[in-house]
Amino acid sequence: MASGDRFKDKVAIVTGGCCGIGRGCVDVFADHGGKVAVLDVNDEEGAKIANENVFFIHCDMNSEDEIKKAIEKVVERYKKIDCLVNNAGTHPGNKSIDELSVDSFRDLLNLNLVSYFAACKYALPYLRKTSGSIVNITSISGHSGTANSPSYCATKGGGISLTKALAIDEAKYGVRVNAISPSAVNTPLYRKHISSGGEAEKTNEIVASYTLLNRVSEPREMGMACLFLAVDATYTTGAELMCTAGSEIGYGVKGMSFV
């Protein structure tokens, strides 16, 4: 497992950091010498990952008040914020617009996009002091669209647009704002989705074939991409980093997507 000091003496907030992509980001930042505050509702997992470098805060990302208070707790403990990783979110599964209610779309919008806006709003006063950065975890679905995912695509597309707009506004403060758009990542949510049809192994092979590298990525790979944007990409802002193994380029079979 690679480790180092690329994030030494720095502080990151990762929303939804108890599992999946968020956990990959937490592990990478901590392994590279940073302090990481995890905002999540999974108290059981939060207790497991908490240590001298990882500070777990119970936070419902649907609650503006809890987000604001959690960020204040981070500053109280560490005195600063160097990076905000907006990751908390979900996927409702493959459903057409006929199968999705308007209320379900509102709920998804609140978690997948409004929470990003709120976390940015309350973290930015501190990020401006450190010339820090924001990394929004979006999706290839927000970039290119996927079948039977209209509400999910809309929320992730919103995250990409939010990234670009904030990059413009925050440049004068030295704050960089970028996005990572993954394709399929081997997370608990992904495994749940591919198992829903009863042929998980076959489905995983199909999804892997959508990529040029012929495999599904691991959460830690997204963490490494996030570290790159937070630390190394000092002349990069308003960018969408496609962590997709080339899924969106070239011509290929167009079928049902599970990402």
C-alpha atoms as a PDB file:
ATOM      1  CA  MET A   1       0.000   0.000   0.000  1.00  0.00           C
ATOM      2  CA  ALA A   2       1.524   3.293  -1.097  1.00  0.00           C
ATOM      3  CA  SER A   3       1.999   5.952   1.534  1.00  0.00           C
ATOM      4  CA  GLY A   4       3.948   9.150   1.937  1.00  0.00           C
ATOM      5  CA  ASP A   5       3.722  12.727   3.104  1.00  0.00           C
ATOM      6  CA  ARG A   6       2.078  14.506   0.168  1.00  0.00           C
ATOM      7  CA  PHE A   7      -0.786  15.663   2.424  1.00  0.00           C
ATOM      8  CA  LYS A   8       1.291  16.138   5.572  1.00  0.00           C
ATOM      9  CA  ASP A   9       0.063  18.858   7.939  1.00  0.00           C
ATOM     10  CA  LYS A  10      -3.102  19.324   5.887  1.00  0.00           C
ATOM     11  CA  VAL A  11      -6.750  18.767   6.763  1.00  0.00           C
ATOM     12  CA  ALA A  12      -9.435  17.282   4.520  1.00  0.00           C
ATOM     13  CA  ILE A  13     -13.161  16.803   4.904  1.00  0.00           C
ATOM     14  CA  VAL A  14     -14.680  13.820   3.105  1.00  0.00           C
ATOM     15  CA  THR A  15     -18.466  13.532   3.045  1.00  0.00           C
ATOM     16  CA  GLY A  16     -19.851  10.006   2.923  1.00  0.00           C
ATOM     17  CA  GLY A  17     -16.388   8.754   3.839  1.00  0.00           C
ATOM     18  CA  CYS A  18     -17.276   5.540   5.655  1.00  0.00           C
ATOM     19  CA  CYS A  19     -17.381   3.314   2.589  1.00  0.00           C
ATOM     20  CA  GLY A  20     -16.997   3.204  -1.178  1.00  0.00           C
ATOM     21  CA  ILE A  21     -15.240   6.027  -3.004  1.00  0.00           C
ATOM     22  CA  GLY A  22     -15.310   8.197   0.099  1.00  0.00           C
ATOM     23  CA  ARG A  23     -13.470   5.549   2.104  1.00  0.00           C
ATOM     24  CA  GLY A  24     -10.878   5.294  -0.640  1.00  0.00           C
ATOM     25  CA  CYS A  25     -10.299   9.041  -0.380  1.00  0.00           C
ATOM     26  CA  VAL A  26     -10.082   8.919   3.416  1.00  0.00           C
ATOM     27  CA  ASP A  27      -7.505   6.121   3.346  1.00  0.00           C
ATOM     28  CA  VAL A  28      -5.325   7.846   0.751  1.00  0.00           C
ATOM     29  CA  PHE A  29      -5.319  11.246   2.467  1.00  0.00           C
ATOM     30  CA  ALA A  30      -4.557   9.667   5.850  1.00  0.00           C
ATOM     31  CA  ASP A  31      -1.851   7.422   4.405  1.00  0.00           C
ATOM     32  CA  HIS A  32      -0.190  10.519   2.962  1.00  0.00           C
ATOM     33  CA  GLY A  33       0.092  12.246   6.307  1.00  0.00           C
ATOM     34  CA  GLY A  34      -3.145  14.198   6.474  1.00  0.00           C
ATOM     35  CA  LYS A  35      -5.888  14.614   9.024  1.00  0.00           C
ATOM     36  CA  VAL A  36      -9.281  13.614   7.668  1.00  0.00           C
ATOM     37  CA  ALA A  37     -12.720  14.489   8.991  1.00  0.00           C
ATOM     38  CA  VAL A  38     -15.398  12.049   7.842  1.00  0.00           C
ATOM     39  CA  LEU A  39     -18.977  13.316   7.665  1.00  0.00           C
ATOM     40  CA  ASP A  40     -21.347  10.350   7.520  1.00  0.00           C
ATOM     41  CA  VAL A  41     -24.378   8.777   9.198  1.00  0.00           C
ATOM     42  CA  ASN A  42     -22.839   5.305   9.499  1.00  0.00           C
ATOM     43  CA  ASP A  43     -21.929   5.410  13.180  1.00  0.00           C
ATOM     44  CA  GLU A  44     -20.878   1.755  13.337  1.00  0.00           C
ATOM     45  CA  GLU A  45     -18.386   2.064  10.499  1.00  0.00           C
ATOM     46  CA  GLY A  46     -17.357   5.515  11.675  1.00  0.00           C
ATOM     47  CA  ALA A  47     -16.300   4.079  15.016  1.00  0.00           C
ATOM     48  CA  LYS A  48     -14.164   1.500  13.220  1.00  0.00           C
ATOM     49  CA  ILE A  49     -12.272   3.951  11.024  1.00  0.00           C
ATOM     50  CA  ALA A  50     -11.760   6.679  13.640  1.00  0.00           C
ATOM     51  CA  ASN A  51      -8.130   6.998  14.795  1.00  0.00           C
ATOM     52  CA  GLU A  52      -5.520   9.676  15.435  1.00  0.00           C
ATOM     53  CA  ASN A  53      -5.690  10.755  11.795  1.00  0.00           C
ATOM     54  CA  VAL A  54      -9.408  10.192  11.102  1.00  0.00           C
ATOM     55  CA  PHE A  55     -12.096  12.187  12.903  1.00  0.00           C
ATOM     56  CA  PHE A  56     -15.613  10.810  12.482  1.00  0.00           C
ATOM     57  CA  ILE A  57     -18.550  13.201  12.787  1.00  0.00           C
ATOM     58  CA  HIS A  58     -22.121  11.969  12.557  1.00  0.00           C
ATOM     59  CA  CYS A  59     -23.671  14.195   9.922  1.00  0.00           C
ATOM     60  CA  ASP A  60     -26.832  13.820   7.877  1.00  0.00           C
ATOM     61  CA  MET A  61     -25.888  15.369   4.552  1.00  0.00           C
ATOM     62  CA  ASN A  62     -29.555  16.138   3.943  1.00  0.00           C
ATOM     63  CA  SER A  63     -29.454  18.618   6.837  1.00  0.00           C
ATOM     64  CA  GLU A  64     -27.989  22.070   6.235  1.00  0.00           C
ATOM     65  CA  ASP A  65     -27.723  22.663   9.976  1.00  0.00           C
ATOM     66  CA  GLU A  66     -25.798  19.436  10.589  1.00  0.00           C
ATOM     67  CA  ILE A  67     -23.419  20.207   7.722  1.00  0.00           C
ATOM     68  CA  LYS A  68     -22.716  23.679   9.090  1.00  0.00           C
ATOM     69  CA  LYS A  69     -22.144  22.399  12.624  1.00  0.00           C
ATOM     70  CA  ALA A  70     -19.929  19.529  11.431  1.00  0.00           C
ATOM     71  CA  ILE A  71     -17.668  21.900   9.522  1.00  0.00           C
ATOM     72  CA  GLU A  72     -17.441  24.124  12.598  1.00  0.00           C
ATOM     73  CA  LYS A  73     -16.365  21.059  14.616  1.00  0.00           C
ATOM     74  CA  VAL A  74     -13.604  20.332  12.109  1.00  0.00           C
ATOM     75  CA  VAL A  75     -12.259  23.878  12.386  1.00  0.00           C
ATOM     76  CA  GLU A  76     -12.527  23.796  16.162  1.00  0.00           C
ATOM     77  CA  ARG A  77     -10.421  20.630  16.232  1.00  0.00           C
ATOM     78  CA  TYR A  78      -7.880  21.315  13.467  1.00  0.00           C
ATOM     79  CA  LYS A  79      -8.051  25.136  13.131  1.00  0.00           C
ATOM     80  CA  LYS A  80      -8.223  24.959   9.333  1.00  0.00           C
ATOM     81  CA  ILE A  81      -9.470  23.145   6.216  1.00  0.00           C
ATOM     82  CA  ASP A  82      -7.271  22.477   3.188  1.00  0.00           C
ATOM     83  CA  CYS A  83      -9.564  20.314   1.072  1.00  0.00           C
ATOM     84  CA  LEU A  84     -13.252  19.462   0.865  1.00  0.00           C
ATOM     85  CA  VAL A  85     -14.210  16.252  -0.915  1.00  0.00           C
ATOM     86  CA  ASN A  86     -17.930  16.156  -1.688  1.00  0.00           C
ATOM     87  CA  ASN A  87     -18.761  12.497  -2.126  1.00  0.00           C
ATOM     88  CA  ALA A  88     -21.934  11.605  -0.206  1.00  0.00           C
ATOM     89  CA  GLY A  89     -24.641  10.354  -2.546  1.00  0.00           C
ATOM     90  CA  THR A  90     -26.534   7.398  -3.887  1.00  0.00           C
ATOM     91  CA  HIS A  91     -28.028   5.842  -7.016  1.00  0.00           C
ATOM     92  CA  PRO A  92     -31.715   4.860  -7.133  1.00  0.00           C
ATOM     93  CA  GLY A  93     -31.053   1.919  -9.442  1.00  0.00           C
ATOM     94  CA  ASN A  94     -31.944   1.498 -13.071  1.00  0.00           C
ATOM     95  CA  LYS A  95     -35.386   3.050 -13.430  1.00  0.00           C
ATOM     96  CA  SER A  96     -37.084   4.932 -16.226  1.00  0.00           C
ATOM     97  CA  ILE A  97     -38.784   8.257 -15.626  1.00  0.00           C
ATOM     98  CA  ASP A  98     -42.113   6.380 -15.494  1.00  0.00           C
ATOM     99  CA  GLU A  99     -40.859   4.398 -12.501  1.00  0.00           C
ATOM    100  CA  LEU A 100     -39.506   7.415 -10.612  1.00  0.00           C
ATOM    101  CA  SER A 101     -41.646   9.795  -8.597  1.00  0.00           C
ATOM    102  CA  VAL A 102     -41.111  13.524  -8.519  1.00  0.00           C
ATOM    103  CA  ASP A 103     -40.573  13.318  -4.775  1.00  0.00           C
ATOM    104  CA  SER A 104     -37.859  10.679  -5.215  1.00  0.00           C
ATOM    105  CA  PHE A 105     -36.100  13.025  -7.631  1.00  0.00           C
ATOM    106  CA  ARG A 106     -36.278  15.846  -5.093  1.00  0.00           C
ATOM    107  CA  ASP A 107     -34.803  13.571  -2.413  1.00  0.00           C
ATOM    108  CA  LEU A 108     -31.963  12.479  -4.696  1.00  0.00           C
ATOM    109  CA  LEU A 109     -31.290  16.058  -5.724  1.00  0.00           C
ATOM    110  CA  ASN A 110     -31.018  17.042  -2.072  1.00  0.00           C
ATOM    111  CA  LEU A 111     -28.433  14.368  -1.244  1.00  0.00           C
ATOM    112  CA  ASN A 112     -26.460  14.271  -4.496  1.00  0.00           C
ATOM    113  CA  LEU A 113     -26.335  17.988  -5.246  1.00  0.00           C
ATOM    114  CA  VAL A 114     -27.784  20.295  -2.593  1.00  0.00           C
ATOM    115  CA  SER A 115     -25.493  18.739   0.023  1.00  0.00           C
ATOM    116  CA  TYR A 116     -22.513  19.586  -2.214  1.00  0.00           C
ATOM    117  CA  PHE A 117     -23.685  23.195  -2.421  1.00  0.00           C
ATOM    118  CA  ALA A 118     -24.180  23.404   1.349  1.00  0.00           C
ATOM    119  CA  ALA A 119     -20.805  21.869   2.194  1.00  0.00           C
ATOM    120  CA  CYS A 120     -19.075  24.232  -0.238  1.00  0.00           C
ATOM    121  CA  LYS A 121     -20.932  27.218   1.178  1.00  0.00           C
ATOM    122  CA  TYR A 122     -19.896  26.557   4.767  1.00  0.00           C
ATOM    123  CA  ALA A 123     -16.355  25.287   4.063  1.00  0.00           C
ATOM    124  CA  LEU A 124     -15.317  28.030   1.653  1.00  0.00           C
ATOM    125  CA  PRO A 125     -14.701  30.743   4.271  1.00  0.00           C
ATOM    126  CA  TYR A 126     -11.997  28.462   5.705  1.00  0.00           C
ATOM    127  CA  LEU A 127     -10.689  27.162   2.370  1.00  0.00           C
ATOM    128  CA  ARG A 128     -10.101  30.748   1.248  1.00  0.00           C
ATOM    129  CA  LYS A 129      -7.745  31.238   4.202  1.00  0.00           C
ATOM    130  CA  THR A 130      -5.580  28.278   3.147  1.00  0.00           C
ATOM    131  CA  SER A 131      -5.901  28.677  -0.637  1.00  0.00           C
ATOM    132  CA  GLY A 132      -7.353  25.203  -0.453  1.00  0.00           C
ATOM    133  CA  SER A 133      -9.348  23.157  -2.910  1.00  0.00           C
ATOM    134  CA  ILE A 134     -12.642  21.381  -3.459  1.00  0.00           C
ATOM    135  CA  VAL A 135     -13.042  18.062  -5.233  1.00  0.00           C
ATOM    136  CA  ASN A 136     -16.582  17.078  -6.182  1.00  0.00           C
ATOM    137  CA  ILE A 137     -17.178  13.410  -6.928  1.00  0.00           C
ATOM    138  CA  THR A 138     -19.508  13.396  -9.910  1.00  0.00           C
ATOM    139  CA  SER A 139     -19.959  10.629 -12.493  1.00  0.00           C
ATOM    140  CA  ILE A 140     -19.579   9.633 -16.105  1.00  0.00           C
ATOM    141  CA  SER A 141     -23.385   9.531 -15.992  1.00  0.00           C
ATOM    142  CA  GLY A 142     -23.454  13.287 -15.458  1.00  0.00           C
ATOM    143  CA  HIS A 143     -20.996  13.763 -18.314  1.00  0.00           C
ATOM    144  CA  SER A 144     -22.319  11.394 -20.979  1.00  0.00           C
ATOM    145  CA  GLY A 145     -25.658  10.143 -19.660  1.00  0.00           C
ATOM    146  CA  THR A 146     -26.667   6.545 -19.037  1.00  0.00           C
ATOM    147  CA  ALA A 147     -29.811   4.569 -19.724  1.00  0.00           C
ATOM    148  CA  ASN A 148     -32.627   4.405 -17.169  1.00  0.00           C
ATOM    149  CA  SER A 149     -30.974   6.901 -14.832  1.00  0.00           C
ATOM    150  CA  PRO A 150     -32.591  10.289 -15.576  1.00  0.00           C
ATOM    151  CA  SER A 151     -32.668  11.571 -11.994  1.00  0.00           C
ATOM    152  CA  TYR A 152     -29.161  10.322 -11.192  1.00  0.00           C
ATOM    153  CA  CYS A 153     -27.701  11.805 -14.373  1.00  0.00           C
ATOM    154  CA  ALA A 154     -29.365  15.139 -13.629  1.00  0.00           C
ATOM    155  CA  THR A 155     -27.920  15.335 -10.121  1.00  0.00           C
ATOM    156  CA  LYS A 156     -24.416  14.398 -11.254  1.00  0.00           C
ATOM    157  CA  GLY A 157     -24.557  16.770 -14.195  1.00  0.00           C
ATOM    158  CA  GLY A 158     -25.456  19.476 -11.721  1.00  0.00           C
ATOM    159  CA  GLY A 159     -22.346  18.650  -9.731  1.00  0.00           C
ATOM    160  CA  ILE A 160     -20.178  19.157 -12.806  1.00  0.00           C
ATOM    161  CA  SER A 161     -21.779  22.535 -13.522  1.00  0.00           C
ATOM    162  CA  LEU A 162     -21.462  23.579  -9.867  1.00  0.00           C
ATOM    163  CA  THR A 163     -17.764  22.727 -10.046  1.00  0.00           C
ATOM    164  CA  LYS A 164     -17.161  24.962 -13.052  1.00  0.00           C
ATOM    165  CA  ALA A 165     -19.180  27.875 -11.699  1.00  0.00           C
ATOM    166  CA  LEU A 166     -17.450  27.829  -8.309  1.00  0.00           C
ATOM    167  CA  ALA A 167     -14.034  27.552  -9.973  1.00  0.00           C
ATOM    168  CA  ILE A 168     -14.720  30.894 -11.651  1.00  0.00           C
ATOM    169  CA  ASP A 169     -15.963  32.598  -8.493  1.00  0.00           C
ATOM    170  CA  GLU A 170     -13.312  31.260  -6.113  1.00  0.00           C
ATOM    171  CA  ALA A 171     -10.226  31.798  -8.275  1.00  0.00           C
ATOM    172  CA  LYS A 172      -9.767  35.270  -6.823  1.00  0.00           C
ATOM    173  CA  TYR A 173      -9.278  33.636  -3.422  1.00  0.00           C
ATOM    174  CA  GLY A 174      -6.795  31.062  -4.722  1.00  0.00           C
ATOM    175  CA  VAL A 175      -9.265  28.229  -4.178  1.00  0.00           C
ATOM    176  CA  ARG A 176      -9.295  25.567  -6.879  1.00  0.00           C
ATOM    177  CA  VAL A 177     -12.489  23.597  -7.582  1.00  0.00           C
ATOM    178  CA  ASN A 178     -12.397  20.396  -9.627  1.00  0.00           C
ATOM    179  CA  ALA A 179     -14.470  17.270 -10.199  1.00  0.00           C
ATOM    180  CA  ILE A 180     -13.778  13.582 -10.588  1.00  0.00           C
ATOM    181  CA  SER A 181     -16.167  11.650 -12.816  1.00  0.00           C
ATOM    182  CA  PRO A 182     -15.726   7.899 -12.302  1.00  0.00           C
ATOM    183  CA  SER A 183     -17.291   5.104 -14.268  1.00  0.00           C
ATOM    184  CA  ALA A 184     -17.979   1.867 -12.354  1.00  0.00           C
ATOM    185  CA  VAL A 185     -16.179   1.581  -9.019  1.00  0.00           C
ATOM    186  CA  ASN A 186     -16.104  -1.549  -6.871  1.00  0.00           C
ATOM    187  CA  THR A 187     -18.172  -0.164  -3.999  1.00  0.00           C
ATOM    188  CA  PRO A 188     -20.893  -1.781  -1.861  1.00  0.00           C
ATOM    189  CA  LEU A 189     -23.518   0.148  -3.863  1.00  0.00           C
ATOM    190  CA  TYR A 190     -22.073  -1.111  -7.168  1.00  0.00           C
ATOM    191  CA  ARG A 191     -21.980  -4.699  -5.916  1.00  0.00           C
ATOM    192  CA  LYS A 192     -25.591  -4.394  -4.785  1.00  0.00           C
ATOM    193  CA  HIS A 193     -26.654  -3.176  -8.208  1.00  0.00           C
ATOM    194  CA  ILE A 194     -24.880  -5.874 -10.203  1.00  0.00           C
ATOM    195  CA  SER A 195     -26.244  -8.562  -7.874  1.00  0.00           C
ATOM    196  CA  SER A 196     -29.849  -7.453  -8.346  1.00  0.00           C
ATOM    197  CA  GLY A 197     -30.228  -9.516 -11.511  1.00  0.00           C
ATOM    198  CA  GLY A 198     -28.767 -12.663  -9.963  1.00  0.00           C
ATOM    199  CA  GLU A 199     -25.690 -12.875 -12.233  1.00  0.00           C
ATOM    200  CA  ALA A 200     -23.206 -10.557 -10.550  1.00  0.00           C
ATOM    201  CA  GLU A 201     -20.044 -12.076 -12.024  1.00  0.00           C
ATOM    202  CA  LYS A 202     -21.353 -11.951 -15.590  1.00  0.00           C
ATOM    203  CA  THR A 203     -22.685  -8.433 -15.129  1.00  0.00           C
ATOM    204  CA  ASN A 204     -19.353  -7.277 -13.731  1.00  0.00           C
ATOM    205  CA  GLU A 205     -17.588  -8.666 -16.806  1.00  0.00           C
ATOM    206  CA  ILE A 206     -19.977  -6.780 -19.065  1.00  0.00           C
ATOM    207  CA  VAL A 207     -19.449  -3.513 -17.185  1.00  0.00           C
ATOM    208  CA  ALA A 208     -15.669  -4.037 -17.256  1.00  0.00           C
ATOM    209  CA  SER A 209     -15.855  -4.475 -21.022  1.00  0.00           C
ATOM    210  CA  TYR A 210     -17.141  -0.903 -21.318  1.00  0.00           C
ATOM    211  CA  THR A 211     -13.636   0.290 -20.382  1.00  0.00           C
ATOM    212  CA  LEU A 212     -10.389   0.232 -22.338  1.00  0.00           C
ATOM    213  CA  LEU A 213      -8.623  -1.366 -19.385  1.00  0.00           C
ATOM    214  CA  ASN A 214     -11.300  -4.074 -19.157  1.00  0.00           C
ATOM    215  CA  ARG A 215     -11.809  -3.817 -15.425  1.00  0.00           C
ATOM    216  CA  VAL A 216     -13.826  -1.992 -12.788  1.00  0.00           C
ATOM    217  CA  SER A 217     -11.862   0.482 -10.668  1.00  0.00           C
ATOM    218  CA  GLU A 218     -11.209   0.325  -6.935  1.00  0.00           C
ATOM    219  CA  PRO A 219     -12.137   3.083  -4.448  1.00  0.00           C
ATOM    220  CA  ARG A 220      -8.516   3.768  -3.615  1.00  0.00           C
ATOM    221  CA  GLU A 221      -7.851   4.665  -7.253  1.00  0.00           C
ATOM    222  CA  MET A 222     -10.408   7.445  -6.939  1.00  0.00           C
ATOM    223  CA  GLY A 223      -8.650   8.494  -3.739  1.00  0.00           C
ATOM    224  CA  MET A 224      -5.347   8.794  -5.583  1.00  0.00           C
ATOM    225  CA  ALA A 225      -6.995  10.919  -8.268  1.00  0.00           C
ATOM    226  CA  CYS A 226      -8.462  13.108  -5.541  1.00  0.00           C
ATOM    227  CA  LEU A 227      -5.057  13.514  -3.887  1.00  0.00           C
ATOM    228  CA  PHE A 228      -3.598  14.544  -7.240  1.00  0.00           C
ATOM    229  CA  LEU A 229      -6.204  17.278  -7.665  1.00  0.00           C
ATOM    230  CA  ALA A 230      -5.809  18.444  -4.073  1.00  0.00           C
ATOM    231  CA  VAL A 231      -2.006  18.525  -3.977  1.00  0.00           C
ATOM    232  CA  ASP A 232      -0.295  18.258  -7.342  1.00  0.00           C
ATOM    233  CA  ALA A 233      -2.643  19.900  -9.848  1.00  0.00           C
ATOM    234  CA  THR A 234      -1.807  23.437  -8.714  1.00  0.00           C
ATOM    235  CA  TYR A 235      -2.622  24.973 -12.121  1.00  0.00           C
ATOM    236  CA  THR A 236      -5.887  23.086 -12.567  1.00  0.00           C
ATOM    237  CA  THR A 237      -9.312  24.443 -11.693  1.00  0.00           C
ATOM    238  CA  GLY A 238     -12.770  23.982 -13.168  1.00  0.00           C
ATOM    239  CA  ALA A 239     -11.681  20.627 -14.576  1.00  0.00           C
ATOM    240  CA  GLU A 240     -13.576  17.355 -14.772  1.00  0.00           C
ATOM    241  CA  LEU A 241     -11.122  14.468 -14.435  1.00  0.00           C
ATOM    242  CA  MET A 242     -12.544  11.441 -16.228  1.00  0.00           C
ATOM    243  CA  CYS A 243     -11.572   8.430 -14.094  1.00  0.00           C
ATOM    244  CA  THR A 244     -13.269   6.006 -16.455  1.00  0.00           C
ATOM    245  CA  ALA A 245     -10.546   3.937 -18.133  1.00  0.00           C
ATOM    246  CA  GLY A 246     -11.653   5.486 -21.415  1.00  0.00           C
ATOM    247  CA  SER A 247     -15.284   4.400 -21.193  1.00  0.00           C
ATOM    248  CA  GLU A 248     -16.514   7.526 -22.946  1.00  0.00           C
ATOM    249  CA  ILE A 249     -14.171   7.440 -25.946  1.00  0.00           C
ATOM    250  CA  GLY A 250     -14.313   5.417 -29.143  1.00  0.00           C
ATOM    251  CA  TYR A 251     -17.243   3.509 -30.538  1.00  0.00           C
ATOM    252  CA  GLY A 252     -18.732   0.521 -28.784  1.00  0.00           C
ATOM    253  CA  VAL A 253     -21.790  -1.513 -27.995  1.00  0.00           C
ATOM    254  CA  LYS A 254     -24.542   0.650 -26.518  1.00  0.00           C
ATOM    255  CA  GLY A 255     -26.436  -1.192 -23.833  1.00  0.00           C
ATOM    256  CA  MET A 256     -27.766  -1.023 -20.315  1.00  0.00           C
ATOM    257  CA  SER A 257     -25.458   0.689 -17.868  1.00  0.00           C
ATOM    258  CA  PHE A 258     -24.903  -0.256 -14.230  1.00  0.00           C
ATOM    259  CA  VAL A 259     -22.773   2.754 -13.212  1.00  0.00           C
END
